[in-house]
Amino acid sequence: MSLEDLQEDIEAAYGDFDDEFALSIDRETRNELAMLSVALDPDDPDELVRRAVHMLFQSTVDRGTLDFHLRSSYDCTYDEYLSGMTFDQMTGNDFPQQQDKDDRRYQF
């Protein structure tokens, strides 16, 4: 897979999420959400879920977990996704260099 495949998959997943996102939660998650709701007193409990997604995303970026999974599946990193090009494309190593066997002047 590639950077283009990642972009297509993100766009597809983004389209699957409506403005209203139905979420089923288990008993433990419901209990934790209730505790956070009482302690933090948000205007809307949905705000806690939004914060949780932001925190999970940031922690996976900070720990390198996101890059690990992206590299495993798409052969790119989050920074490469943000820039729209791979590291090899940025450094100019993306295109194979022509190798003439007779041209050994610059090889060490």
Protein backbone atom coordinates (compact mmCIF):
# COMPACT_ATOMS: atom_id res chain seq x y z
CA MET A 1 0.00 0.00 0.00
CA SER A 2 1.07 3.58 -0.45
CA LEU A 3 0.48 7.15 0.59
CA GLU A 4 -2.29 7.40 -2.03
CA ASP A 5 -3.97 4.28 -0.61
CA LEU A 6 -3.85 5.82 2.86
CA GLN A 7 -5.47 9.03 1.59
CA GLU A 8 -8.24 7.07 -0.12
CA ASP A 9 -8.90 4.96 2.99
CA ILE A 10 -9.03 8.05 5.24
CA GLU A 11 -11.48 9.78 2.90
CA ALA A 12 -13.65 6.65 2.80
CA ALA A 13 -13.64 6.31 6.60
CA TYR A 14 -14.37 10.03 7.01
CA GLY A 15 -17.37 9.67 4.72
CA ASP A 16 -18.66 6.76 6.79
CA PHE A 17 -18.90 8.94 9.90
CA ASP A 18 -22.00 11.09 10.04
CA ASP A 19 -22.23 14.22 12.14
CA GLU A 20 -24.05 12.04 14.63
CA PHE A 21 -21.95 9.00 15.50
CA ALA A 22 -23.80 6.14 17.20
CA LEU A 23 -21.63 4.45 19.78
CA SER A 24 -22.46 1.38 21.80
CA ILE A 25 -20.50 1.10 25.03
CA ASP A 26 -20.01 -1.68 27.51
CA ARG A 27 -20.72 -1.50 31.24
CA GLU A 28 -17.17 -0.53 32.24
CA THR A 29 -17.01 2.26 29.65
CA ARG A 30 -20.45 3.52 30.72
CA ASN A 31 -19.28 3.63 34.35
CA GLU A 32 -16.07 5.50 33.43
CA LEU A 33 -18.00 7.93 31.24
CA ALA A 34 -20.45 8.57 34.08
CA MET A 35 -17.57 9.27 36.49
CA LEU A 36 -15.89 11.67 34.05
CA SER A 37 -19.22 13.35 33.33
CA VAL A 38 -19.85 14.01 37.01
CA ALA A 39 -16.27 15.09 37.74
CA LEU A 40 -15.70 17.30 34.68
CA ASP A 41 -19.31 18.50 34.24
CA PRO A 42 -19.21 19.05 30.47
CA ASP A 43 -22.13 20.75 28.70
CA ASP A 44 -22.70 17.55 26.73
CA PRO A 45 -21.39 14.02 27.45
CA ASP A 46 -20.46 13.80 23.74
CA GLU A 47 -17.74 16.33 24.52
CA LEU A 48 -16.00 13.72 26.70
CA VAL A 49 -15.98 11.25 23.81
CA ARG A 50 -14.54 13.92 21.49
CA ARG A 51 -11.83 14.69 24.06
CA ALA A 52 -11.07 10.98 24.44
CA VAL A 53 -10.58 10.56 20.69
CA HIS A 54 -8.25 13.60 20.64
CA MET A 55 -6.25 12.24 23.58
CA LEU A 56 -5.95 8.75 22.06
CA PHE A 57 -4.86 10.21 18.74
CA GLN A 58 -2.26 12.49 20.37
CA SER A 59 -0.86 9.70 22.54
CA THR A 60 -0.49 7.33 19.58
CA VAL A 61 1.31 10.07 17.64
CA ASP A 62 3.58 10.93 20.60
CA ARG A 63 4.53 7.29 21.29
CA GLY A 64 5.13 6.50 17.63
CA THR A 65 2.41 3.87 17.59
CA LEU A 66 0.57 5.59 14.75
CA ASP A 67 3.72 5.69 12.61
CA PHE A 68 4.38 2.02 13.37
CA HIS A 69 0.93 0.99 12.16
CA LEU A 70 1.02 3.31 9.15
CA ARG A 71 4.47 2.03 8.15
CA SER A 72 3.28 -1.57 8.52
CA SER A 73 0.14 -1.08 6.45
CA TYR A 74 0.88 1.79 4.07
CA ASP A 75 4.67 2.11 4.06
CA CYS A 76 4.53 5.76 5.15
CA THR A 77 4.45 7.84 8.34
CA TYR A 78 2.05 10.46 9.66
CA ASP A 79 4.53 13.22 8.76
CA GLU A 80 4.70 11.87 5.22
CA TYR A 81 0.90 11.85 5.09
CA LEU A 82 0.75 15.47 6.27
CA SER A 83 3.32 16.61 3.72
CA GLY A 84 1.72 14.60 0.92
CA MET A 85 4.96 12.93 -0.09
CA THR A 86 7.21 10.18 1.17
CA PHE A 87 10.67 10.79 2.59
CA ASP A 88 12.21 9.38 -0.58
CA GLN A 89 10.20 11.80 -2.68
CA MET A 90 11.29 14.71 -0.44
CA THR A 91 14.96 13.81 -0.73
CA GLY A 92 14.87 13.00 -4.41
CA ASN A 93 15.67 9.31 -3.95
CA ASP A 94 12.34 8.25 -5.39
CA PHE A 95 13.55 7.77 -8.94
CA PRO A 96 16.04 5.05 -9.79
CA GLN A 97 19.44 6.41 -10.68
CA GLN A 98 20.87 5.39 -14.02
CA GLN A 99 23.93 3.26 -13.46
CA ASP A 100 26.47 2.98 -16.26
CA LYS A 101 29.11 0.34 -15.65
CA ASP A 102 31.63 2.46 -17.53
CA ASP A 103 31.07 5.54 -15.36
CA ARG A 104 33.05 4.70 -12.21
CA ARG A 105 34.69 8.08 -11.69
CA TYR A 106 32.42 9.08 -8.82
CA GLN A 107 32.06 5.73 -7.12
CA PHE A 108 34.19 5.02 -4.07
